[in-house]
Amino acid sequence: MGRKPFLRPGRLTSGFAGGKEICRRGTEPHRGLWVPVSRSQNSLAEFYNRVESTSERYVRYNVVTEEAILPLLSQGPEAFYDPVTGDLRSRYQVHMDQLRTLRDEVSFIVDRADTLHLCVLAELERLR
């Protein structure tokens, strides 16, 4: 019986000519492994791109939290809420909306990760 494929973690990049895709560590081409494109590989590429994009948004939103919100905590609710209407001030409402969107995106990513895990296992089983 032949050797089973061993996949190392790396970044999947789609769109190469000739129906191939590279899975490599870092940016060193000599470590690359050329494999035929499959639906699960394209899905993995899209998934990791989405994870990366969401991670970048998290960092941006975290900077806003640390620089614009946390320093005002000692001022109490008055710093965040309009004293007349009692509503959250618009600049903080925008940030809260962004955090809710990020929460939903992370939830989607977790669900998608479970699905992709099963797809990858099925693909590996098929290759055996």
C-alpha atoms as a PDB file:
ATOM      1  CA  MET A   1       0.000   0.000   0.000  1.00  0.00           C
ATOM      2  CA  GLY A   2       1.301   3.498  -0.881  1.00  0.00           C
ATOM      3  CA  ARG A   3       2.177   6.203   1.555  1.00  0.00           C
ATOM      4  CA  LYS A   4      -0.657   8.347   2.817  1.00  0.00           C
ATOM      5  CA  PRO A   5      -0.391  12.076   2.089  1.00  0.00           C
ATOM      6  CA  PHE A   6       0.997  14.229   4.860  1.00  0.00           C
ATOM      7  CA  LEU A   7      -0.220  17.812   4.787  1.00  0.00           C
ATOM      8  CA  ARG A   8       1.619  20.549   6.602  1.00  0.00           C
ATOM      9  CA  PRO A   9      -0.064  23.768   7.684  1.00  0.00           C
ATOM     10  CA  GLY A  10       0.374  26.574   5.214  1.00  0.00           C
ATOM     11  CA  ARG A  11      -1.446  29.220   3.253  1.00  0.00           C
ATOM     12  CA  LEU A  12      -3.663  28.038   0.440  1.00  0.00           C
ATOM     13  CA  THR A  13      -3.654  30.252  -2.611  1.00  0.00           C
ATOM     14  CA  SER A  14      -6.063  29.742  -5.454  1.00  0.00           C
ATOM     15  CA  GLY A  15      -6.124  30.968  -9.036  1.00  0.00           C
ATOM     16  CA  PHE A  16      -3.008  29.368 -10.499  1.00  0.00           C
ATOM     17  CA  ALA A  17      -3.059  28.527 -14.218  1.00  0.00           C
ATOM     18  CA  GLY A  18      -3.174  24.886 -15.252  1.00  0.00           C
ATOM     19  CA  GLY A  19      -5.692  23.826 -12.618  1.00  0.00           C
ATOM     20  CA  LYS A  20      -3.161  23.598  -9.799  1.00  0.00           C
ATOM     21  CA  GLU A  21      -2.914  25.136  -6.392  1.00  0.00           C
ATOM     22  CA  ILE A  22       0.002  25.552  -4.075  1.00  0.00           C
ATOM     23  CA  CYS A  23      -0.007  24.844  -0.389  1.00  0.00           C
ATOM     24  CA  ARG A  24       3.152  26.203   1.166  1.00  0.00           C
ATOM     25  CA  ARG A  25       4.622  27.436   4.385  1.00  0.00           C
ATOM     26  CA  GLY A  26       5.416  31.105   4.434  1.00  0.00           C
ATOM     27  CA  THR A  27       6.560  32.439   1.082  1.00  0.00           C
ATOM     28  CA  GLU A  28       9.306  29.960   0.300  1.00  0.00           C
ATOM     29  CA  PRO A  29       8.387  28.252  -3.003  1.00  0.00           C
ATOM     30  CA  HIS A  30      10.892  25.436  -2.562  1.00  0.00           C
ATOM     31  CA  ARG A  31       8.795  24.153   0.339  1.00  0.00           C
ATOM     32  CA  GLY A  32       5.634  24.193  -1.749  1.00  0.00           C
ATOM     33  CA  LEU A  33       3.513  21.169  -2.510  1.00  0.00           C
ATOM     34  CA  TRP A  34       1.577  21.255  -5.800  1.00  0.00           C
ATOM     35  CA  VAL A  35      -1.734  19.459  -5.639  1.00  0.00           C
ATOM     36  CA  PRO A  36      -4.760  19.316  -7.947  1.00  0.00           C
ATOM     37  CA  VAL A  37      -7.441  21.864  -7.108  1.00  0.00           C
ATOM     38  CA  SER A  38     -10.432  20.398  -5.349  1.00  0.00           C
ATOM     39  CA  ARG A  39     -13.572  22.027  -4.071  1.00  0.00           C
ATOM     40  CA  SER A  40     -12.412  21.578  -0.481  1.00  0.00           C
ATOM     41  CA  GLN A  41      -9.084  23.282  -1.225  1.00  0.00           C
ATOM     42  CA  ASN A  42     -10.840  26.275  -2.758  1.00  0.00           C
ATOM     43  CA  SER A  43     -13.130  26.333   0.268  1.00  0.00           C
ATOM     44  CA  LEU A  44     -10.114  26.251   2.573  1.00  0.00           C
ATOM     45  CA  ALA A  45      -8.497  29.141   0.697  1.00  0.00           C
ATOM     46  CA  GLU A  46     -11.662  31.197   1.013  1.00  0.00           C
ATOM     47  CA  PHE A  47     -11.988  30.217   4.677  1.00  0.00           C
ATOM     48  CA  TYR A  48      -8.446  31.229   5.628  1.00  0.00           C
ATOM     49  CA  ASN A  49      -8.786  34.497   3.708  1.00  0.00           C
ATOM     50  CA  ARG A  50     -11.955  35.222   5.667  1.00  0.00           C
ATOM     51  CA  VAL A  51     -10.248  34.349   8.953  1.00  0.00           C
ATOM     52  CA  GLU A  52      -7.367  36.669   8.082  1.00  0.00           C
ATOM     53  CA  SER A  53      -9.713  39.517   7.158  1.00  0.00           C
ATOM     54  CA  THR A  54     -11.724  39.056  10.352  1.00  0.00           C
ATOM     55  CA  SER A  55      -8.524  38.993  12.410  1.00  0.00           C
ATOM     56  CA  GLU A  56      -7.418  42.280  10.881  1.00  0.00           C
ATOM     57  CA  ARG A  57     -10.787  43.848  11.698  1.00  0.00           C
ATOM     58  CA  TYR A  58     -10.531  42.565  15.270  1.00  0.00           C
ATOM     59  CA  VAL A  59      -7.170  44.284  15.676  1.00  0.00           C
ATOM     60  CA  ARG A  60      -8.576  47.583  14.358  1.00  0.00           C
ATOM     61  CA  TYR A  61     -11.632  47.416  16.617  1.00  0.00           C
ATOM     62  CA  ASN A  62      -9.498  46.481  19.597  1.00  0.00           C
ATOM     63  CA  VAL A  63      -7.328  49.562  19.059  1.00  0.00           C
ATOM     64  CA  VAL A  64     -10.453  51.746  19.126  1.00  0.00           C
ATOM     65  CA  THR A  65     -11.599  50.045  22.321  1.00  0.00           C
ATOM     66  CA  GLU A  66      -8.235  50.536  24.010  1.00  0.00           C
ATOM     67  CA  GLU A  67      -7.663  54.109  22.852  1.00  0.00           C
ATOM     68  CA  ALA A  68     -11.152  55.647  22.778  1.00  0.00           C
ATOM     69  CA  ILE A  69     -13.269  53.698  25.250  1.00  0.00           C
ATOM     70  CA  LEU A  70     -11.161  52.251  28.057  1.00  0.00           C
ATOM     71  CA  PRO A  71      -9.606  55.613  29.032  1.00  0.00           C
ATOM     72  CA  LEU A  72     -13.128  57.010  29.611  1.00  0.00           C
ATOM     73  CA  LEU A  73     -14.367  54.247  31.898  1.00  0.00           C
ATOM     74  CA  SER A  74     -13.451  56.201  35.030  1.00  0.00           C
ATOM     75  CA  GLN A  75     -15.842  58.986  33.926  1.00  0.00           C
ATOM     76  CA  GLY A  76     -18.790  56.658  34.306  1.00  0.00           C
ATOM     77  CA  PRO A  77     -21.854  56.271  32.088  1.00  0.00           C
ATOM     78  CA  GLU A  78     -22.006  60.009  31.361  1.00  0.00           C
ATOM     79  CA  ALA A  79     -19.034  59.648  29.036  1.00  0.00           C
ATOM     80  CA  PHE A  80     -20.925  57.199  26.844  1.00  0.00           C
ATOM     81  CA  TYR A  81     -24.599  58.119  27.122  1.00  0.00           C
ATOM     82  CA  ASP A  82     -26.406  61.314  26.148  1.00  0.00           C
ATOM     83  CA  PRO A  83     -27.628  62.936  29.394  1.00  0.00           C
ATOM     84  CA  VAL A  84     -30.882  64.141  27.811  1.00  0.00           C
ATOM     85  CA  THR A  85     -32.032  61.080  25.850  1.00  0.00           C
ATOM     86  CA  GLY A  86     -30.162  58.367  27.722  1.00  0.00           C
ATOM     87  CA  ASP A  87     -29.103  56.886  24.380  1.00  0.00           C
ATOM     88  CA  LEU A  88     -25.636  55.634  23.682  1.00  0.00           C
ATOM     89  CA  ARG A  89     -23.703  58.410  21.929  1.00  0.00           C
ATOM     90  CA  SER A  90     -23.460  57.831  18.174  1.00  0.00           C
ATOM     91  CA  ARG A  91     -19.665  57.430  18.075  1.00  0.00           C
ATOM     92  CA  TYR A  92     -19.923  54.582  20.591  1.00  0.00           C
ATOM     93  CA  GLN A  93     -23.022  53.115  18.936  1.00  0.00           C
ATOM     94  CA  VAL A  94     -21.066  52.731  15.690  1.00  0.00           C
ATOM     95  CA  HIS A  95     -18.326  50.882  17.551  1.00  0.00           C
ATOM     96  CA  MET A  96     -20.834  48.607  19.281  1.00  0.00           C
ATOM     97  CA  ASP A  97     -22.440  47.823  15.914  1.00  0.00           C
ATOM     98  CA  GLN A  98     -19.017  46.932  14.524  1.00  0.00           C
ATOM     99  CA  LEU A  99     -18.356  44.631  17.489  1.00  0.00           C
ATOM    100  CA  ARG A 100     -21.728  42.901  16.988  1.00  0.00           C
ATOM    101  CA  THR A 101     -20.895  42.378  13.307  1.00  0.00           C
ATOM    102  CA  LEU A 102     -17.499  40.973  14.289  1.00  0.00           C
ATOM    103  CA  ARG A 103     -19.158  38.634  16.807  1.00  0.00           C
ATOM    104  CA  ASP A 104     -21.477  37.341  14.089  1.00  0.00           C
ATOM    105  CA  GLU A 105     -18.565  36.860  11.699  1.00  0.00           C
ATOM    106  CA  VAL A 106     -16.593  34.875  14.277  1.00  0.00           C
ATOM    107  CA  SER A 107     -19.645  32.703  14.905  1.00  0.00           C
ATOM    108  CA  PHE A 108     -19.930  32.055  11.156  1.00  0.00           C
ATOM    109  CA  ILE A 109     -16.218  31.171  10.978  1.00  0.00           C
ATOM    110  CA  VAL A 110     -16.548  28.667  13.829  1.00  0.00           C
ATOM    111  CA  ASP A 111     -19.512  26.983  12.128  1.00  0.00           C
ATOM    112  CA  ARG A 112     -17.704  26.964   8.778  1.00  0.00           C
ATOM    113  CA  ALA A 113     -14.586  25.469  10.394  1.00  0.00           C
ATOM    114  CA  ASP A 114     -16.627  22.500  11.610  1.00  0.00           C
ATOM    115  CA  THR A 115     -18.035  21.929   8.119  1.00  0.00           C
ATOM    116  CA  LEU A 116     -14.644  22.264   6.441  1.00  0.00           C
ATOM    117  CA  HIS A 117     -13.090  19.877   8.927  1.00  0.00           C
ATOM    118  CA  LEU A 118     -15.538  17.202   7.823  1.00  0.00           C
ATOM    119  CA  CYS A 119     -14.914  18.017   4.139  1.00  0.00           C
ATOM    120  CA  VAL A 120     -11.141  17.739   4.550  1.00  0.00           C
ATOM    121  CA  LEU A 121     -11.473  14.431   6.398  1.00  0.00           C
ATOM    122  CA  ALA A 122     -13.670  13.105   3.586  1.00  0.00           C
ATOM    123  CA  GLU A 123     -11.161  14.305   0.975  1.00  0.00           C
ATOM    124  CA  LEU A 124      -8.261  12.646   2.817  1.00  0.00           C
ATOM    125  CA  GLU A 125     -10.234   9.434   3.121  1.00  0.00           C
ATOM    126  CA  ARG A 126     -10.952   9.564  -0.609  1.00  0.00           C
ATOM    127  CA  LEU A 127      -7.212   9.910  -1.338  1.00  0.00           C
ATOM    128  CA  ARG A 128      -6.308   6.807   0.689  1.00  0.00           C
END
